[in-house]
Protein backbone atom coordinates (compact mmCIF):
# COMPACT_ATOMS: atom_id res chain seq x y z
CA MET A 1 121.60 -6.13 -17.57
CA TYR A 2 118.22 -4.47 -17.38
CA ALA A 3 117.26 -0.80 -17.89
CA THR A 4 114.34 1.26 -16.69
CA SER A 5 113.29 4.77 -17.59
CA ALA A 6 110.74 7.23 -16.24
CA ASP A 7 109.61 10.59 -17.52
CA TRP A 8 109.11 13.10 -14.71
CA LYS A 9 107.15 16.35 -14.35
CA VAL A 10 109.00 18.63 -11.94
CA ASN A 11 106.04 20.09 -10.06
CA ASP A 12 107.82 22.72 -7.99
CA GLY A 13 109.90 23.95 -10.91
CA THR A 14 113.30 23.18 -9.40
CA TRP A 15 115.81 20.35 -9.51
CA SER A 16 119.07 20.76 -7.67
CA THR A 17 122.50 19.19 -7.86
CA ASP A 18 122.01 18.11 -4.23
CA GLN A 19 118.85 16.21 -5.21
CA GLU A 20 120.78 14.51 -8.02
CA LYS A 21 123.53 13.46 -5.59
CA THR A 22 120.96 12.15 -3.12
CA MET A 23 119.11 10.19 -5.79
CA THR A 24 122.33 8.75 -7.21
CA ALA A 25 123.32 7.46 -3.77
CA LYS A 26 119.82 6.08 -3.17
CA MET A 27 119.68 4.31 -6.52
CA LYS A 28 123.10 2.73 -6.02
CA SER A 29 122.10 1.57 -2.52
CA LEU A 30 119.15 -0.23 -4.12
CA GLY A 31 121.41 -2.07 -6.56
CA ALA A 32 121.54 0.25 -9.60
CA LEU A 33 124.72 0.07 -11.65
CA HIS A 34 124.16 3.49 -13.27
CA TRP A 35 121.60 6.26 -12.78
CA PHE A 36 121.15 9.27 -15.05
CA PHE A 37 118.71 12.19 -14.97
CA ILE A 38 118.33 14.03 -18.25
CA HIS A 39 116.73 17.49 -18.22
CA THR A 40 114.34 17.40 -21.16
CA GLY A 41 112.64 20.76 -20.57
CA ASP A 42 112.16 23.54 -18.04
CA ASP A 43 109.95 21.34 -15.87
CA THR A 44 110.49 17.83 -17.25
CA GLY A 45 113.17 15.18 -17.08
CA ARG A 46 113.89 11.53 -17.74
CA SER A 47 115.59 9.11 -15.41
CA VAL A 48 117.45 6.16 -16.92
CA VAL A 49 118.70 3.39 -14.64
CA VAL A 50 120.81 0.34 -15.50
CA TRP A 51 120.38 -2.61 -13.15
CA PRO A 52 122.09 -5.99 -12.97
CA ASP A 53 118.77 -7.79 -13.62
CA LYS A 54 114.99 -7.39 -13.76
CA GLU A 55 114.41 -8.62 -10.21
CA THR A 56 116.78 -6.04 -8.71
CA ALA A 57 115.19 -3.35 -10.86
CA HIS A 58 111.66 -4.09 -9.74
CA ALA A 59 112.61 -4.37 -6.07
CA GLY A 60 114.43 -1.05 -6.20
CA LEU A 61 111.78 0.76 -8.22
CA THR A 62 109.00 -0.24 -5.86
CA THR A 63 110.85 1.68 -3.17
CA VAL A 64 112.35 4.61 -5.01
CA ARG A 65 109.52 5.75 -7.28
CA ASP A 66 107.06 6.13 -4.43
CA GLU A 67 109.65 7.78 -2.17
CA ALA A 68 110.94 10.11 -4.88
CA ALA A 69 107.45 11.28 -5.74
CA ALA A 70 106.67 11.91 -2.06
CA GLU A 71 110.04 13.43 -1.06
CA ILE A 72 110.63 15.66 -4.07
CA GLY A 73 107.02 16.24 -5.13
CA ASN A 74 107.49 15.25 -8.76
CA THR A 75 105.14 13.14 -10.88
CA ILE A 76 105.96 10.22 -13.17
CA THR A 77 104.24 10.70 -16.52
CA ALA A 78 105.54 7.62 -18.39
CA THR A 79 107.77 4.58 -17.88
CA CYS A 80 109.49 1.93 -19.95
CA GLU A 81 111.93 -0.92 -19.33
CA GLY A 82 113.70 -3.84 -20.92
CA GLU A 83 116.79 -5.96 -21.35
CA VAL A 84 120.01 -4.16 -22.32
CA ASN A 85 121.54 -5.69 -25.42
CA GLY A 86 124.96 -5.26 -26.95
CA PHE A 87 127.09 -4.92 -23.83
């Protein structure tokens, strides 16, 4: 398994449950095994995604990060990724 994470700045100040449901469905359609969004502050959050492998992750992220930024209006401020160990 492979995991990716992105820190987000919520530019319009809102994040709804409907957006979370939409993003969960989108991530799963792109091959994600699990997708989480952690609210880290009033206008910040972190997404954590577990993928079956690096190739699936990179294919999905190319699509979703650009679309998410455009559709929701949020900005990625940092990213990280790597192999998941211990499972």
